[in-house]
Amino acid sequence: MQRKNERSVEDVALGIRRRVFEHTILNNGGYLSQACSAADQLAWLYHEEMRFGPPTLPMVPPPFGGVPAADNSGYVTGAGYHGAPSPDADRLFIAPAHYALVVYAALVEVGRMAPEGLAMFNRDGSSVEMIGAEHSPGMEVHNGTLGIGLSTAAGLAWARQRRGESGRSWVFMSDGEVQEGQTWEAVQAAAHHGIDSLFAIMDVNDQQCDGAMSSVMQVRDIAAKFRAFGAVCVDIDGHDIAAMRDALREPHQGQPLIILARTSPFHAMQALKARFPRLHYVRFTSEDERAGMNRDIAAELGMPPVSYAAR
């Protein structure tokens, strides 16, 4: 794939982390660990790998427009920020909806959404939801945290393959979803039907809302299980862009391709180690902690501390 402009994927990933960090400091809380672990993957997808057309929705996200209904003919999903669907365009589903802040930052970094969109995050009446919904920028369906994203992408890929479309169906996942049975049903069905236009990259950061994955439910050898269920699975360093590119070269005719991206929930923000393992949503416990994180993480990210009013 050709890059969209002269910026490197690594530079886009740094921009994503800086935006999420700034938002977190300004709002006294945010999804910092998800930016640490997933920024490289989302930068690679949005800046380099995805075949998207130009956005079809306003750069500044409109307010929530209501749910689909007979009297709501103007209803649209947030997938318009990925461009209009076409036979040769890729489709990307964001399975863990709590990564929405990182996705919005990625959209801003690659010029698909205006920076003003981040200021609308979790505001009353906004479509820029805290937990991404189907009307939120970059979202096409509401996946929640129920592990249904891979099923959604598999169903679409199956239909597109039967229609002879060349576009791929991608899903960005988190490792907590392997605790859900529907994930394994989706892999098994995709393998049975020979759906090789289905791709997934999973952020394996060993964390979930209740703490470390191992403290909630042991998932053991994820790669072996994906292979047993019929997928081709590649296990990589999720902060290594070259490894992501190489993973796509893995032959997988008649099988879905799953990329396990092993990551750190405090990559590029080592100061977060002090919060381990409670990293799902970082809300500062005191102004001293907020000021210290602002100083230390800003230095790690090579930016000045964020100016904010204590509250």
Protein backbone atom coordinates (compact mmCIF):
# COMPACT_ATOMS: atom_id res chain seq x y z
CA MET A 1 0.00 0.00 0.00
CA GLN A 2 1.12 3.53 -0.68
CA ARG A 3 1.13 5.96 2.19
CA LYS A 4 -1.40 8.75 1.98
CA ASN A 5 1.23 11.49 2.32
CA GLU A 6 4.84 11.94 3.30
CA ARG A 7 4.34 11.42 7.04
CA SER A 8 5.56 8.14 8.47
CA VAL A 9 3.22 5.73 10.21
CA GLU A 10 5.34 6.16 13.34
CA ASP A 11 4.78 9.92 13.25
CA VAL A 12 1.01 9.42 12.93
CA ALA A 13 1.09 7.03 15.91
CA LEU A 14 2.94 9.62 17.98
CA GLY A 15 0.34 12.22 17.00
CA ILE A 16 -2.46 9.89 18.13
CA ARG A 17 -0.84 9.37 21.52
CA ARG A 18 -0.24 13.09 21.98
CA ARG A 19 -3.88 13.92 21.19
CA VAL A 20 -5.24 11.29 23.57
CA PHE A 21 -2.81 12.41 26.28
CA GLU A 22 -3.76 16.07 25.87
CA HIS A 23 -7.45 15.16 26.02
CA THR A 24 -6.88 13.12 29.18
CA ILE A 25 -5.05 15.92 30.97
CA LEU A 26 -7.62 18.54 29.95
CA ASN A 27 -10.57 16.36 30.99
CA ASN A 28 -8.98 14.80 34.09
CA GLY A 29 -9.38 11.30 32.62
CA GLY A 30 -9.22 9.28 29.44
CA TYR A 31 -8.30 6.05 27.69
CA LEU A 32 -4.55 6.43 27.89
CA SER A 33 -3.49 2.78 27.95
CA GLN A 34 -5.45 2.06 24.76
CA ALA A 35 -3.50 4.83 23.02
CA CYS A 36 -0.27 3.33 24.32
CA SER A 37 -1.06 -0.13 22.99
CA ALA A 38 -3.08 0.53 19.84
CA ALA A 39 -1.81 3.77 18.29
CA ASP A 40 0.68 1.97 16.06
CA GLN A 41 -1.93 -0.44 14.73
CA LEU A 42 -4.51 2.24 14.05
CA ALA A 43 -1.91 4.54 12.49
CA TRP A 44 -0.86 1.71 10.16
CA LEU A 45 -4.44 0.92 9.20
CA TYR A 46 -5.63 4.49 8.65
CA HIS A 47 -2.46 6.03 7.23
CA GLU A 48 -1.19 3.21 5.07
CA GLU A 49 -3.13 0.00 4.69
CA MET A 50 -6.82 0.82 4.30
CA ARG A 51 -8.25 1.47 0.84
CA PHE A 52 -10.75 4.17 1.71
CA GLY A 53 -12.40 6.83 -0.42
CA PRO A 54 -12.71 10.47 0.65
CA PRO A 55 -14.90 11.11 3.73
CA THR A 56 -18.57 11.72 2.95
CA LEU A 57 -19.47 13.34 6.28
CA PRO A 58 -18.63 16.83 7.62
CA MET A 59 -15.13 17.27 9.03
CA VAL A 60 -16.70 18.66 12.20
CA PRO A 61 -19.02 15.87 13.37
CA PRO A 62 -22.71 16.81 13.46
CA PRO A 63 -24.81 16.33 16.62
CA PHE A 64 -26.53 13.03 17.28
CA GLY A 65 -29.14 12.70 14.55
CA GLY A 66 -31.43 10.15 16.13
CA VAL A 67 -31.87 6.44 15.53
CA PRO A 68 -32.94 4.86 12.22
CA ALA A 69 -36.65 5.38 11.66
CA ALA A 70 -39.15 5.89 8.86
CA ASP A 71 -39.32 9.59 9.69
CA ASN A 72 -35.53 10.00 9.95
CA SER A 73 -34.49 9.78 6.32
CA GLY A 74 -31.26 11.66 6.97
CA TYR A 75 -29.83 9.01 9.29
CA VAL A 76 -26.23 8.06 8.55
CA THR A 77 -23.60 5.95 10.28
CA GLY A 78 -20.14 7.13 11.22
CA ALA A 79 -18.65 4.95 8.49
CA GLY A 80 -18.85 7.98 6.22
CA TYR A 81 -15.51 9.04 7.71
CA HIS A 82 -14.10 5.98 5.94
CA GLY A 83 -15.59 7.07 2.63
CA ALA A 84 -18.45 5.73 0.55
CA PRO A 85 -18.74 1.93 0.24
CA SER A 86 -17.73 0.52 -3.13
CA PRO A 87 -16.83 -2.95 -4.45
CA ASP A 88 -13.09 -2.31 -4.24
CA ALA A 89 -13.04 -0.28 -1.01
CA ASP A 90 -12.10 -1.77 2.33
CA ARG A 91 -14.49 -1.79 5.28
CA LEU A 92 -13.15 -1.42 8.82
CA PHE A 93 -15.05 -2.34 11.96
CA ILE A 94 -13.91 -1.17 15.38
CA ALA A 95 -14.90 -4.03 17.66
CA PRO A 96 -13.91 -2.65 21.12
CA ALA A 97 -16.05 0.48 21.29
CA HIS A 98 -14.13 1.79 24.32
CA TYR A 99 -11.19 2.48 21.99
CA ALA A 100 -13.28 5.23 20.40
CA LEU A 101 -11.13 8.10 21.70
CA VAL A 102 -8.06 6.56 20.06
CA VAL A 103 -9.97 6.04 16.81
CA TYR A 104 -11.14 9.66 16.80
CA ALA A 105 -7.56 10.81 17.35
CA ALA A 106 -6.48 8.63 14.42
CA LEU A 107 -9.17 10.15 12.18
CA VAL A 108 -7.90 13.62 13.09
CA GLU A 109 -4.27 12.67 12.46
CA VAL A 110 -4.99 11.40 8.94
CA GLY A 111 -7.23 14.34 8.03
CA ARG A 112 -10.58 12.54 8.07
CA MET A 113 -12.03 14.51 10.99
CA ALA A 114 -11.42 18.03 12.27
CA PRO A 115 -9.56 18.47 15.58
CA GLU A 116 -12.68 20.17 16.95
CA GLY A 117 -14.28 16.74 16.99
CA LEU A 118 -12.23 15.66 19.99
CA ALA A 119 -13.61 18.56 22.02
CA MET A 120 -17.10 17.07 21.45
CA PHE A 121 -16.10 13.77 23.08
CA ASN A 122 -18.73 12.55 25.56
CA ARG A 123 -20.68 15.82 25.44
CA ASP A 124 -24.47 15.82 25.70
CA GLY A 125 -26.04 15.65 22.25
CA SER A 126 -22.78 14.80 20.51
CA SER A 127 -22.26 11.97 18.05
CA VAL A 128 -18.67 11.67 19.28
CA GLU A 129 -19.60 9.09 21.90
CA MET A 130 -17.37 7.97 24.74
CA ILE A 131 -18.25 4.37 23.87
CA GLY A 132 -18.46 4.49 20.09
CA ALA A 133 -21.93 3.89 18.65
CA GLU A 134 -23.00 3.34 15.06
CA HIS A 135 -23.42 7.09 14.50
CA SER A 136 -19.99 7.95 15.92
CA PRO A 137 -17.09 8.89 13.61
CA GLY A 138 -15.42 5.80 12.19
CA MET A 139 -18.15 3.45 13.42
CA GLU A 140 -20.55 1.56 11.19
CA VAL A 141 -22.27 -0.65 13.74
CA HIS A 142 -22.45 -0.68 17.52
CA ASN A 143 -20.16 -3.46 18.70
CA GLY A 144 -19.89 -2.58 22.37
CA THR A 145 -17.66 -4.92 24.36
CA LEU A 146 -19.60 -8.06 23.53
CA GLY A 147 -17.15 -9.54 21.04
CA ILE A 148 -19.44 -9.25 18.01
CA GLY A 149 -17.12 -7.25 15.75
CA LEU A 150 -15.51 -10.26 14.11
CA SER A 151 -18.93 -11.79 13.42
CA THR A 152 -20.08 -8.56 11.80
CA ALA A 153 -17.01 -8.38 9.58
CA ALA A 154 -17.23 -12.08 8.72
CA GLY A 155 -20.84 -11.77 7.60
CA LEU A 156 -20.06 -8.77 5.44
CA ALA A 157 -16.96 -10.44 3.97
CA TRP A 158 -18.99 -13.53 3.10
CA ALA A 159 -21.60 -11.43 1.28
CA ARG A 160 -18.98 -9.35 -0.55
CA GLN A 161 -17.07 -12.45 -1.61
CA ARG A 162 -20.26 -13.97 -3.06
CA ARG A 163 -20.85 -10.75 -5.01
CA GLY A 164 -17.33 -10.86 -6.42
CA GLU A 165 -16.18 -7.65 -4.70
CA SER A 166 -12.43 -7.17 -4.29
CA GLY A 167 -12.60 -5.00 -1.18
CA ARG A 168 -11.45 -6.47 2.11
CA SER A 169 -13.35 -6.59 5.39
CA TRP A 170 -11.15 -5.66 8.36
CA VAL A 171 -11.83 -5.66 12.07
CA PHE A 172 -9.76 -4.07 14.82
CA MET A 173 -10.12 -6.15 18.00
CA SER A 174 -8.95 -6.31 21.59
CA ASP A 175 -7.80 -9.46 23.35
CA GLY A 176 -10.64 -9.38 25.89
CA GLU A 177 -12.91 -10.51 23.05
CA VAL A 178 -11.40 -14.00 23.04
CA GLN A 179 -13.29 -14.54 26.30
CA GLU A 180 -16.47 -14.38 24.21
CA GLY A 181 -17.78 -17.49 22.44
CA GLN A 182 -19.11 -15.54 19.47
CA THR A 183 -15.54 -14.71 18.44
CA TRP A 184 -14.76 -18.41 18.00
CA GLU A 185 -18.01 -19.07 16.14
CA ALA A 186 -17.10 -16.29 13.71
CA VAL A 187 -13.63 -17.73 13.02
CA GLN A 188 -15.01 -21.24 12.56
CA ALA A 189 -17.72 -20.03 10.17
CA ALA A 190 -15.28 -17.91 8.16
CA ALA A 191 -12.92 -20.86 7.77
CA HIS A 192 -15.77 -23.20 6.81
CA HIS A 193 -16.96 -20.82 4.09
CA GLY A 194 -13.44 -20.07 2.83
CA ILE A 195 -13.66 -16.35 3.56
CA ASP A 196 -10.12 -15.15 2.90
CA SER A 197 -11.13 -11.51 2.42
CA LEU A 198 -11.59 -11.29 6.20
CA PHE A 199 -8.72 -9.71 8.14
CA ALA A 200 -8.37 -8.89 11.82
CA ILE A 201 -5.69 -7.26 13.91
CA MET A 202 -6.00 -7.74 17.66
CA ASP A 203 -4.48 -5.47 20.28
CA VAL A 204 -3.13 -8.04 22.75
CA ASN A 205 -2.26 -5.82 25.71
CA ASP A 206 -3.34 -8.32 28.40
CA GLN A 207 -5.64 -5.73 30.00
CA GLN A 208 -9.38 -5.25 30.40
CA CYS A 209 -11.71 -3.12 32.47
CA ASP A 210 -11.36 -5.23 35.62
CA GLY A 211 -7.57 -5.41 35.47
CA ALA A 212 -5.14 -7.88 33.98
CA MET A 213 -6.63 -10.47 31.61
CA SER A 214 -5.16 -13.30 33.65
CA SER A 215 -7.00 -12.12 36.77
CA VAL A 216 -10.38 -12.25 35.02
CA MET A 217 -10.17 -15.35 32.83
CA GLN A 218 -7.16 -17.25 31.56
CA VAL A 219 -7.21 -17.40 27.75
CA ARG A 220 -3.97 -19.39 27.36
CA ASP A 221 -2.60 -19.84 23.82
CA ILE A 222 -4.72 -17.54 21.65
CA ALA A 223 -2.75 -18.22 18.46
CA ALA A 224 -3.09 -21.99 18.80
CA LYS A 225 -6.83 -21.67 19.33
CA PHE A 226 -7.30 -19.42 16.29
CA ARG A 227 -5.41 -21.94 14.17
CA ALA A 228 -7.45 -24.81 15.58
CA PHE A 229 -10.62 -23.01 14.59
CA GLY A 230 -9.38 -22.63 11.00
CA ALA A 231 -7.71 -19.21 10.75
CA VAL A 232 -4.19 -18.35 9.67
CA CYS A 233 -2.73 -16.54 12.67
CA VAL A 234 0.44 -14.44 12.81
CA ASP A 235 1.88 -13.39 16.17
CA ILE A 236 3.87 -10.12 16.08
CA ASP A 237 5.21 -7.21 18.09
CA GLY A 238 2.29 -4.79 17.91
CA HIS A 239 4.56 -1.75 18.05
CA ASP A 240 6.56 -2.88 14.99
CA ILE A 241 5.11 -1.42 11.80
CA ALA A 242 7.36 -3.55 9.57
CA ALA A 243 6.05 -6.67 11.32
CA MET A 244 2.48 -5.64 10.48
CA ARG A 245 3.39 -5.27 6.83
CA ASP A 246 5.14 -8.63 6.82
CA ALA A 247 2.15 -10.32 8.48
CA LEU A 248 -0.02 -9.50 5.48
CA ARG A 249 2.28 -11.54 3.26
CA GLU A 250 1.33 -14.73 5.08
CA PRO A 251 -0.51 -17.06 2.63
CA HIS A 252 -4.11 -17.65 3.73
CA GLN A 253 -6.08 -18.83 0.70
CA GLY A 254 -9.52 -19.92 1.83
CA GLN A 255 -8.90 -18.82 5.42
CA PRO A 256 -9.29 -15.60 7.40
CA LEU A 257 -6.06 -13.90 8.52
CA ILE A 258 -5.74 -12.91 12.18
CA ILE A 259 -2.81 -10.75 13.33
CA LEU A 260 -2.08 -10.91 17.05
CA ALA A 261 -0.34 -7.63 17.89
CA ARG A 262 1.38 -8.04 21.28
CA THR A 263 1.57 -4.65 22.97
CA SER A 264 2.29 -2.79 26.19
CA PRO A 265 -0.44 -0.75 27.93
CA PHE A 266 2.16 1.87 28.84
CA HIS A 267 4.22 1.96 25.64
CA ALA A 268 5.64 5.50 25.21
CA MET A 269 4.04 6.49 28.54
CA GLN A 270 6.11 4.61 31.11
CA ALA A 271 4.78 6.81 33.90
CA LEU A 272 1.54 4.80 33.68
CA LYS A 273 3.31 1.84 35.28
CA ALA A 274 2.47 3.41 38.61
CA ARG A 275 -1.21 2.70 37.87
CA PHE A 276 -0.70 -0.93 36.80
CA PRO A 277 -2.82 -3.06 36.56
CA ARG A 278 -5.77 -0.62 36.82
CA LEU A 279 -5.29 1.02 33.46
CA HIS A 280 -8.59 0.65 31.60
CA TYR A 281 -9.65 4.27 32.16
CA VAL A 282 -7.21 6.65 33.82
CA ARG A 283 -8.88 9.20 36.05
CA PHE A 284 -6.36 11.02 38.18
CA THR A 285 -6.73 10.52 41.92
CA SER A 286 -5.36 13.94 42.83
CA GLU A 287 -4.09 17.16 41.32
CA ASP A 288 -0.59 16.11 42.30
CA GLU A 289 -0.88 12.91 40.28
CA ARG A 290 -2.34 14.82 37.34
CA ALA A 291 0.48 17.37 37.41
CA GLY A 292 3.11 14.66 37.74
CA MET A 293 1.71 12.62 34.85
CA ASN A 294 1.44 15.80 32.79
CA ARG A 295 5.10 16.56 33.39
CA ASP A 296 6.47 13.03 32.96
CA ILE A 297 4.39 11.76 30.06
CA ALA A 298 4.70 15.01 28.10
CA ALA A 299 8.47 14.62 28.36
CA GLU A 300 8.24 11.03 27.09
CA LEU A 301 6.12 12.16 24.14
CA GLY A 302 8.48 15.03 23.31
CA MET A 303 5.92 17.78 23.86
CA PRO A 304 5.42 20.57 26.40
CA PRO A 305 3.14 19.88 29.36
CA VAL A 306 -0.53 20.55 28.66
CA SER A 307 -1.82 23.85 30.01
CA TYR A 308 -5.01 23.29 32.00
CA ALA A 309 -7.04 24.78 34.80
CA ALA A 310 -7.17 22.62 37.94
CA ARG A 311 -10.70 21.55 38.89
